[in-house]
């Protein structure tokens, strides 16, 4: 259901990629209630994020590829619950709210595009301090502290028209790991793909000819549909202490 690259230093993925289609989302073979969060045995034990590291951390185990995108089999669903697909995310106001609406936006793109590919990952962006200098600063959770808390998250979306050599609508977004009001327009988080490349050290669509590219938010409306995810997810999310995290200042990307 996903492919990824894992950062042993931060204990978070560099990136996680998925491919969703109308057919894959229509399947209902996987049930989230049958899945459990797991440490990933493919990562050496000393480099793994641990389940205990999230306990009472104040952060959710935030899926990068959402479980709702992998209902086509129980095995696919289970794959999304490895901690290598997780990052610490602010719960109320973000993971269970705005971010969940954003994930739903990606799924809804399949009503217009027959093939949608999404790359998601964390960022650690600099912020200007009072002395005017730019610094990268982030919290670390766990005991001992070893899992970095990203300052931001990105998604780069490739929405394909399904034709051989056809057009691809590309959208890049960077969101702060913080409470975001549900009425905040998604378009305000749109950035050039090059900005995500610069911040992440990754390259996207370098082999896709310019003449095949379109801007996603010009080709379709980049607008969220607000649903009550937070109430529904209370059955799945058991949090200890919860932090109230305010949105950070403007980052440099």
C-alpha atoms as a PDB file:
ATOM      1  CA  UNK A   1       0.000   0.000   0.000  1.00  0.00           C
ATOM      2  CA  UNK A   2       3.020   2.292   0.293  1.00  0.00           C
ATOM      3  CA  UNK A   3       6.730   2.678  -0.267  1.00  0.00           C
ATOM      4  CA  UNK A   4       8.969   4.806   1.907  1.00  0.00           C
ATOM      5  CA  UNK A   5      12.439   5.901   2.899  1.00  0.00           C
ATOM      6  CA  UNK A   6      13.243   6.007   6.615  1.00  0.00           C
ATOM      7  CA  UNK A   7      15.492   8.493   8.427  1.00  0.00           C
ATOM      8  CA  UNK A   8      17.311   6.629  11.204  1.00  0.00           C
ATOM      9  CA  UNK A   9      18.472   9.900  12.746  1.00  0.00           C
ATOM     10  CA  UNK A  10      15.051  11.495  13.326  1.00  0.00           C
ATOM     11  CA  UNK A  11      13.184   8.142  13.574  1.00  0.00           C
ATOM     12  CA  UNK A  12      10.731   9.513  11.013  1.00  0.00           C
ATOM     13  CA  UNK A  13      10.352   8.762   7.296  1.00  0.00           C
ATOM     14  CA  UNK A  14      12.037  11.007   4.743  1.00  0.00           C
ATOM     15  CA  UNK A  15       9.055  10.369   2.487  1.00  0.00           C
ATOM     16  CA  UNK A  16       6.169   7.945   2.033  1.00  0.00           C
ATOM     17  CA  UNK A  17       4.519   7.449  -1.370  1.00  0.00           C
ATOM     18  CA  UNK A  18       1.155   5.979  -2.327  1.00  0.00           C
ATOM     19  CA  UNK A  19      -0.967   5.436  -5.441  1.00  0.00           C
ATOM     20  CA  UNK A  20      -4.738   5.716  -5.157  1.00  0.00           C
ATOM     21  CA  UNK A  21      -7.396   5.132  -7.802  1.00  0.00           C
ATOM     22  CA  UNK A  22     -11.203   4.999  -7.825  1.00  0.00           C
ATOM     23  CA  UNK A  23     -10.992   1.186  -7.739  1.00  0.00           C
ATOM     24  CA  UNK A  24      -8.537   1.012  -4.832  1.00  0.00           C
ATOM     25  CA  UNK A  25     -10.656   3.370  -2.731  1.00  0.00           C
ATOM     26  CA  UNK A  26     -13.890   1.547  -3.554  1.00  0.00           C
ATOM     27  CA  UNK A  27     -12.619  -1.727  -2.067  1.00  0.00           C
ATOM     28  CA  UNK A  28     -13.643  -2.517   1.505  1.00  0.00           C
ATOM     29  CA  UNK A  29     -11.531  -5.532   2.449  1.00  0.00           C
ATOM     30  CA  UNK A  30      -9.514  -3.838   5.204  1.00  0.00           C
ATOM     31  CA  UNK A  31     -10.887  -2.835   8.608  1.00  0.00           C
ATOM     32  CA  UNK A  32      -9.019  -0.336  10.765  1.00  0.00           C
ATOM     33  CA  UNK A  33     -10.400  -1.954  13.911  1.00  0.00           C
ATOM     34  CA  UNK A  34      -8.380  -5.076  13.064  1.00  0.00           C
ATOM     35  CA  UNK A  35      -5.082  -3.175  12.765  1.00  0.00           C
ATOM     36  CA  UNK A  36      -2.654  -2.307  15.562  1.00  0.00           C
ATOM     37  CA  UNK A  37       0.303   0.052  15.726  1.00  0.00           C
ATOM     38  CA  UNK A  38       3.583  -1.827  15.322  1.00  0.00           C
ATOM     39  CA  UNK A  39       7.295  -1.179  15.472  1.00  0.00           C
ATOM     40  CA  UNK A  40       8.855  -1.976  12.104  1.00  0.00           C
ATOM     41  CA  UNK A  41      11.083  -5.090  12.281  1.00  0.00           C
ATOM     42  CA  UNK A  42      12.767  -4.107   8.999  1.00  0.00           C
ATOM     43  CA  UNK A  43      14.559  -1.309  10.888  1.00  0.00           C
ATOM     44  CA  UNK A  44      17.385  -2.308  13.273  1.00  0.00           C
ATOM     45  CA  UNK A  45      16.142  -2.112  16.851  1.00  0.00           C
ATOM     46  CA  UNK A  46      18.475   0.718  17.895  1.00  0.00           C
ATOM     47  CA  UNK A  47      17.200   2.923  15.069  1.00  0.00           C
ATOM     48  CA  UNK A  48      13.477   2.261  15.481  1.00  0.00           C
ATOM     49  CA  UNK A  49      10.814   4.502  16.855  1.00  0.00           C
ATOM     50  CA  UNK A  50       9.181   2.679  19.760  1.00  0.00           C
ATOM     51  CA  UNK A  51       5.535   2.515  20.769  1.00  0.00           C
ATOM     52  CA  UNK A  52       6.533   3.625  24.265  1.00  0.00           C
ATOM     53  CA  UNK A  53       8.128   6.770  22.834  1.00  0.00           C
ATOM     54  CA  UNK A  54       4.691   8.132  21.963  1.00  0.00           C
ATOM     55  CA  UNK A  55       3.127   7.256  25.319  1.00  0.00           C
ATOM     56  CA  UNK A  56       1.991  10.458  27.049  1.00  0.00           C
ATOM     57  CA  UNK A  57       4.054  12.503  24.626  1.00  0.00           C
ATOM     58  CA  UNK A  58       1.145  14.795  23.824  1.00  0.00           C
ATOM     59  CA  UNK A  59       1.377  13.872  20.131  1.00  0.00           C
ATOM     60  CA  UNK A  60      -0.570  11.526  17.898  1.00  0.00           C
ATOM     61  CA  UNK A  61       1.063   8.768  15.904  1.00  0.00           C
ATOM     62  CA  UNK A  62       0.312  10.562  12.666  1.00  0.00           C
ATOM     63  CA  UNK A  63      -0.078   8.440   9.540  1.00  0.00           C
ATOM     64  CA  UNK A  64       1.775   9.729   6.491  1.00  0.00           C
ATOM     65  CA  UNK A  65      -0.162   7.391   4.191  1.00  0.00           C
ATOM     66  CA  UNK A  66      -3.605   7.320   5.826  1.00  0.00           C
ATOM     67  CA  UNK A  67      -5.229   4.039   6.741  1.00  0.00           C
ATOM     68  CA  UNK A  68      -8.361   5.112   4.861  1.00  0.00           C
ATOM     69  CA  UNK A  69      -6.379   4.935   1.604  1.00  0.00           C
ATOM     70  CA  UNK A  70      -5.574   1.249   2.094  1.00  0.00           C
ATOM     71  CA  UNK A  71      -8.902  -0.504   2.547  1.00  0.00           C
ATOM     72  CA  UNK A  72      -8.366  -2.783  -0.447  1.00  0.00           C
ATOM     73  CA  UNK A  73      -6.909  -5.517   1.795  1.00  0.00           C
ATOM     74  CA  UNK A  74      -6.258  -6.094   5.480  1.00  0.00           C
ATOM     75  CA  UNK A  75      -2.553  -6.550   4.747  1.00  0.00           C
ATOM     76  CA  UNK A  76      -2.462  -3.173   2.999  1.00  0.00           C
ATOM     77  CA  UNK A  77      -4.280  -1.585   5.918  1.00  0.00           C
ATOM     78  CA  UNK A  78      -1.892  -3.180   8.416  1.00  0.00           C
ATOM     79  CA  UNK A  79       1.123  -1.833   6.510  1.00  0.00           C
ATOM     80  CA  UNK A  80       0.009   1.724   7.241  1.00  0.00           C
ATOM     81  CA  UNK A  81       0.233   1.074  10.999  1.00  0.00           C
ATOM     82  CA  UNK A  82       3.991   0.500  11.171  1.00  0.00           C
ATOM     83  CA  UNK A  83       5.747   3.334  12.981  1.00  0.00           C
ATOM     84  CA  UNK A  84       7.869   3.868   9.871  1.00  0.00           C
ATOM     85  CA  UNK A  85       4.681   5.397   8.404  1.00  0.00           C
ATOM     86  CA  UNK A  86       4.240   7.671  11.434  1.00  0.00           C
ATOM     87  CA  UNK A  87       5.440  11.017  12.680  1.00  0.00           C
ATOM     88  CA  UNK A  88       4.525  12.871  15.870  1.00  0.00           C
ATOM     89  CA  UNK A  89       1.610  15.125  14.946  1.00  0.00           C
ATOM     90  CA  UNK A  90      -0.444  17.601  16.929  1.00  0.00           C
ATOM     91  CA  UNK A  91      -3.749  15.820  17.537  1.00  0.00           C
ATOM     92  CA  UNK A  92      -6.675  18.179  18.045  1.00  0.00           C
ATOM     93  CA  UNK A  93      -6.795  20.838  15.379  1.00  0.00           C
ATOM     94  CA  UNK A  94      -4.391  19.053  13.052  1.00  0.00           C
ATOM     95  CA  UNK A  95      -4.088  15.257  12.730  1.00  0.00           C
ATOM     96  CA  UNK A  96      -7.714  14.701  13.712  1.00  0.00           C
ATOM     97  CA  UNK A  97      -8.977  17.804  11.944  1.00  0.00           C
ATOM     98  CA  UNK A  98      -7.323  19.868   9.197  1.00  0.00           C
ATOM     99  CA  UNK A  99      -4.818  17.196   8.164  1.00  0.00           C
ATOM    100  CA  UNK A 100      -7.609  14.596   8.014  1.00  0.00           C
ATOM    101  CA  UNK A 101      -9.625  16.923   5.767  1.00  0.00           C
ATOM    102  CA  UNK A 102      -6.540  17.331   3.573  1.00  0.00           C
ATOM    103  CA  UNK A 103      -6.208  13.551   3.272  1.00  0.00           C
ATOM    104  CA  UNK A 104      -9.870  13.423   2.266  1.00  0.00           C
ATOM    105  CA  UNK A 105      -9.181  16.076  -0.382  1.00  0.00           C
ATOM    106  CA  UNK A 106      -6.544  13.774  -1.895  1.00  0.00           C
ATOM    107  CA  UNK A 107      -9.029  10.905  -2.011  1.00  0.00           C
ATOM    108  CA  UNK A 108     -11.702  13.085  -3.594  1.00  0.00           C
ATOM    109  CA  UNK A 109      -9.313  13.930  -6.416  1.00  0.00           C
ATOM    110  CA  UNK A 110      -9.965  10.414  -7.740  1.00  0.00           C
ATOM    111  CA  UNK A 111     -13.472  11.524  -8.727  1.00  0.00           C
ATOM    112  CA  UNK A 112     -11.819  13.737 -11.355  1.00  0.00           C
ATOM    113  CA  UNK A 113      -8.510  11.984 -12.019  1.00  0.00           C
ATOM    114  CA  UNK A 114      -8.247   8.197 -12.577  1.00  0.00           C
ATOM    115  CA  UNK A 115      -4.786   8.010 -11.011  1.00  0.00           C
ATOM    116  CA  UNK A 116      -3.461  10.014  -8.062  1.00  0.00           C
ATOM    117  CA  UNK A 117      -0.001   9.636  -6.566  1.00  0.00           C
ATOM    118  CA  UNK A 118       0.887  11.342  -3.301  1.00  0.00           C
ATOM    119  CA  UNK A 119       4.253  11.783  -1.586  1.00  0.00           C
ATOM    120  CA  UNK A 120       4.094  12.851   2.062  1.00  0.00           C
ATOM    121  CA  UNK A 121       6.757  13.600   4.625  1.00  0.00           C
ATOM    122  CA  UNK A 122       8.044  15.740   7.483  1.00  0.00           C
ATOM    123  CA  UNK A 123      10.021  18.965   7.345  1.00  0.00           C
ATOM    124  CA  UNK A 124      12.176  20.753   9.903  1.00  0.00           C
ATOM    125  CA  UNK A 125      12.084  24.376   8.824  1.00  0.00           C
ATOM    126  CA  UNK A 126      14.065  27.350  10.133  1.00  0.00           C
ATOM    127  CA  UNK A 127      12.371  30.186  11.973  1.00  0.00           C
ATOM    128  CA  UNK A 128      13.676  33.697  12.606  1.00  0.00           C
ATOM    129  CA  UNK A 129      14.491  34.306  16.261  1.00  0.00           C
ATOM    130  CA  UNK A 130      14.304  37.608  18.116  1.00  0.00           C
ATOM    131  CA  UNK A 131      17.941  38.344  17.254  1.00  0.00           C
ATOM    132  CA  UNK A 132      17.094  38.209  13.553  1.00  0.00           C
ATOM    133  CA  UNK A 133      18.953  34.959  12.931  1.00  0.00           C
ATOM    134  CA  UNK A 134      17.333  31.877  11.399  1.00  0.00           C
ATOM    135  CA  UNK A 135      17.504  28.631  13.365  1.00  0.00           C
ATOM    136  CA  UNK A 136      16.063  25.137  13.113  1.00  0.00           C
ATOM    137  CA  UNK A 137      14.528  24.048  16.413  1.00  0.00           C
ATOM    138  CA  UNK A 138      12.218  21.123  17.140  1.00  0.00           C
ATOM    139  CA  UNK A 139      11.059  19.042  20.076  1.00  0.00           C
ATOM    140  CA  UNK A 140      12.219  15.449  20.579  1.00  0.00           C
ATOM    141  CA  UNK A 141      10.029  12.846  22.286  1.00  0.00           C
ATOM    142  CA  UNK A 142      10.685   9.432  23.791  1.00  0.00           C
ATOM    143  CA  UNK A 143      12.696   7.981  26.655  1.00  0.00           C
ATOM    144  CA  UNK A 144      15.476   8.555  25.941  1.00  0.00           C
ATOM    145  CA  UNK A 145      14.422  11.438  23.656  1.00  0.00           C
ATOM    146  CA  UNK A 146      14.979  10.182  20.109  1.00  0.00           C
ATOM    147  CA  UNK A 147      11.964  10.880  17.842  1.00  0.00           C
ATOM    148  CA  UNK A 148      12.027  14.333  16.269  1.00  0.00           C
ATOM    149  CA  UNK A 149       8.783  16.314  16.155  1.00  0.00           C
ATOM    150  CA  UNK A 150       8.548  17.867  12.679  1.00  0.00           C
ATOM    151  CA  UNK A 151       7.786  21.558  12.437  1.00  0.00           C
ATOM    152  CA  UNK A 152       5.865  21.038   9.187  1.00  0.00           C
ATOM    153  CA  UNK A 153       4.583  18.387   6.778  1.00  0.00           C
ATOM    154  CA  UNK A 154       4.465  18.371   3.010  1.00  0.00           C
ATOM    155  CA  UNK A 155       2.407  16.629   0.378  1.00  0.00           C
ATOM    156  CA  UNK A 156       3.275  16.610  -3.302  1.00  0.00           C
ATOM    157  CA  UNK A 157       0.322  15.416  -5.373  1.00  0.00           C
ATOM    158  CA  UNK A 158       0.406  14.080  -8.931  1.00  0.00           C
ATOM    159  CA  UNK A 159      -3.084  13.820 -10.444  1.00  0.00           C
ATOM    160  CA  UNK A 160      -2.955  12.041 -13.811  1.00  0.00           C
ATOM    161  CA  UNK A 161      -5.534  12.167 -16.589  1.00  0.00           C
ATOM    162  CA  UNK A 162      -4.990   8.461 -17.342  1.00  0.00           C
ATOM    163  CA  UNK A 163      -3.861   8.889 -20.937  1.00  0.00           C
ATOM    164  CA  UNK A 164      -0.547   7.593 -22.270  1.00  0.00           C
ATOM    165  CA  UNK A 165       1.724  10.616 -22.348  1.00  0.00           C
ATOM    166  CA  UNK A 166      -1.133  12.637 -20.857  1.00  0.00           C
ATOM    167  CA  UNK A 167      -1.273  15.621 -18.548  1.00  0.00           C
ATOM    168  CA  UNK A 168      -0.331  15.550 -14.871  1.00  0.00           C
ATOM    169  CA  UNK A 169      -1.697  18.150 -12.469  1.00  0.00           C
ATOM    170  CA  UNK A 170       0.880  18.760  -9.740  1.00  0.00           C
ATOM    171  CA  UNK A 171       0.280  20.399  -6.384  1.00  0.00           C
ATOM    172  CA  UNK A 172       2.732  20.950  -3.523  1.00  0.00           C
ATOM    173  CA  UNK A 173       1.629  21.928  -0.033  1.00  0.00           C
ATOM    174  CA  UNK A 174       3.423  22.656   3.260  1.00  0.00           C
ATOM    175  CA  UNK A 175       1.408  22.730   6.499  1.00  0.00           C
ATOM    176  CA  UNK A 176       2.624  23.572  10.019  1.00  0.00           C
ATOM    177  CA  UNK A 177       2.458  20.828  12.643  1.00  0.00           C
ATOM    178  CA  UNK A 178       0.028  22.901  14.685  1.00  0.00           C
ATOM    179  CA  UNK A 179      -3.629  23.693  15.145  1.00  0.00           C
ATOM    180  CA  UNK A 180      -5.122  25.036  11.922  1.00  0.00           C
ATOM    181  CA  UNK A 181      -8.648  26.489  11.784  1.00  0.00           C
ATOM    182  CA  UNK A 182     -10.875  24.402   9.542  1.00  0.00           C
ATOM    183  CA  UNK A 183     -11.907  27.511   7.621  1.00  0.00           C
ATOM    184  CA  UNK A 184      -8.324  28.208   6.551  1.00  0.00           C
ATOM    185  CA  UNK A 185      -8.197  27.906   2.725  1.00  0.00           C
ATOM    186  CA  UNK A 186      -6.024  25.017   1.565  1.00  0.00           C
ATOM    187  CA  UNK A 187      -4.680  27.198  -1.240  1.00  0.00           C
ATOM    188  CA  UNK A 188      -2.855  29.287   1.376  1.00  0.00           C
ATOM    189  CA  UNK A 189      -0.559  26.313   1.985  1.00  0.00           C
ATOM    190  CA  UNK A 190       0.252  25.755  -1.688  1.00  0.00           C
ATOM    191  CA  UNK A 191       3.934  26.288  -2.513  1.00  0.00           C
ATOM    192  CA  UNK A 192       6.089  25.747  -5.602  1.00  0.00           C
ATOM    193  CA  UNK A 193       7.353  22.185  -5.958  1.00  0.00           C
ATOM    194  CA  UNK A 194      10.861  23.644  -5.886  1.00  0.00           C
ATOM    195  CA  UNK A 195      10.237  24.934  -2.349  1.00  0.00           C
ATOM    196  CA  UNK A 196       9.527  21.407  -1.096  1.00  0.00           C
ATOM    197  CA  UNK A 197      12.566  20.114  -2.971  1.00  0.00           C
ATOM    198  CA  UNK A 198      14.777  22.735  -1.356  1.00  0.00           C
ATOM    199  CA  UNK A 199      13.420  22.055   2.138  1.00  0.00           C
ATOM    200  CA  UNK A 200      13.395  18.248   1.905  1.00  0.00           C
ATOM    201  CA  UNK A 201      16.479  17.600  -0.211  1.00  0.00           C
ATOM    202  CA  UNK A 202      14.338  15.505  -2.560  1.00  0.00           C
ATOM    203  CA  UNK A 203      13.492  15.956  -6.233  1.00  0.00           C
ATOM    204  CA  UNK A 204      10.008  15.492  -7.650  1.00  0.00           C
ATOM    205  CA  UNK A 205       8.955  14.960 -11.270  1.00  0.00           C
ATOM    206  CA  UNK A 206      12.362  15.812 -12.691  1.00  0.00           C
ATOM    207  CA  UNK A 207      11.748  13.372 -15.553  1.00  0.00           C
ATOM    208  CA  UNK A 208       8.252  14.670 -16.312  1.00  0.00           C
ATOM    209  CA  UNK A 209       8.408  16.998 -19.342  1.00  0.00           C
ATOM    210  CA  UNK A 210       7.284  20.545 -18.642  1.00  0.00           C
ATOM    211  CA  UNK A 211       4.698  20.385 -21.436  1.00  0.00           C
ATOM    212  CA  UNK A 212       2.883  17.571 -19.593  1.00  0.00           C
ATOM    213  CA  UNK A 213       2.603  19.465 -16.328  1.00  0.00           C
ATOM    214  CA  UNK A 214      -0.338  21.477 -15.035  1.00  0.00           C
ATOM    215  CA  UNK A 215      -0.869  23.272 -11.749  1.00  0.00           C
ATOM    216  CA  UNK A 216      -3.341  21.309  -9.638  1.00  0.00           C
ATOM    217  CA  UNK A 217      -5.054  24.302  -8.029  1.00  0.00           C
ATOM    218  CA  UNK A 218      -5.652  25.845 -11.450  1.00  0.00           C
ATOM    219  CA  UNK A 219      -6.948  22.615 -12.968  1.00  0.00           C
ATOM    220  CA  UNK A 220      -9.341  21.927 -10.079  1.00  0.00           C
ATOM    221  CA  UNK A 221     -10.582  23.606  -6.908  1.00  0.00           C
ATOM    222  CA  UNK A 222      -8.211  23.098  -3.988  1.00  0.00           C
ATOM    223  CA  UNK A 223     -10.883  23.238  -1.295  1.00  0.00           C
ATOM    224  CA  UNK A 224     -11.545  21.073   1.731  1.00  0.00           C
ATOM    225  CA  UNK A 225     -14.795  19.394   2.717  1.00  0.00           C
ATOM    226  CA  UNK A 226     -15.044  19.609   6.498  1.00  0.00           C
ATOM    227  CA  UNK A 227     -16.119  16.418   8.267  1.00  0.00           C
ATOM    228  CA  UNK A 228     -16.245  15.522  11.940  1.00  0.00           C
ATOM    229  CA  UNK A 229     -13.171  13.280  11.933  1.00  0.00           C
ATOM    230  CA  UNK A 230     -12.177  14.177  15.473  1.00  0.00           C
ATOM    231  CA  UNK A 231     -15.286  12.693  17.062  1.00  0.00           C
ATOM    232  CA  UNK A 232     -15.127   9.560  14.923  1.00  0.00           C
ATOM    233  CA  UNK A 233     -11.459   8.944  15.658  1.00  0.00           C
ATOM    234  CA  UNK A 234     -11.901   9.078  19.416  1.00  0.00           C
ATOM    235  CA  UNK A 235     -12.730   5.379  19.186  1.00  0.00           C
ATOM    236  CA  UNK A 236      -9.286   4.717  17.723  1.00  0.00           C
ATOM    237  CA  UNK A 237      -7.059   7.288  19.416  1.00  0.00           C
ATOM    238  CA  UNK A 238      -6.147   6.897  23.074  1.00  0.00           C
ATOM    239  CA  UNK A 239      -4.098   9.860  24.148  1.00  0.00           C
ATOM    240  CA  UNK A 240      -2.600  10.617  27.514  1.00  0.00           C
ATOM    241  CA  UNK A 241      -1.503  14.180  27.995  1.00  0.00           C
ATOM    242  CA  UNK A 242      -2.472  16.506  25.151  1.00  0.00           C
ATOM    243  CA  UNK A 243      -0.575  19.615  24.250  1.00  0.00           C
ATOM    244  CA  UNK A 244      -2.114  22.783  22.998  1.00  0.00           C
ATOM    245  CA  UNK A 245       0.319  23.793  20.255  1.00  0.00           C
ATOM    246  CA  UNK A 246      -0.002  27.174  18.609  1.00  0.00           C
ATOM    247  CA  UNK A 247       0.884  27.742  14.975  1.00  0.00           C
ATOM    248  CA  UNK A 248       4.552  28.703  14.577  1.00  0.00           C
ATOM    249  CA  UNK A 249       5.773  31.868  12.928  1.00  0.00           C
ATOM    250  CA  UNK A 250       6.360  32.048   9.237  1.00  0.00           C
ATOM    251  CA  UNK A 251       9.054  29.537   8.222  1.00  0.00           C
ATOM    252  CA  UNK A 252      11.613  29.898   5.516  1.00  0.00           C
ATOM    253  CA  UNK A 253      11.363  27.219   2.803  1.00  0.00           C
END
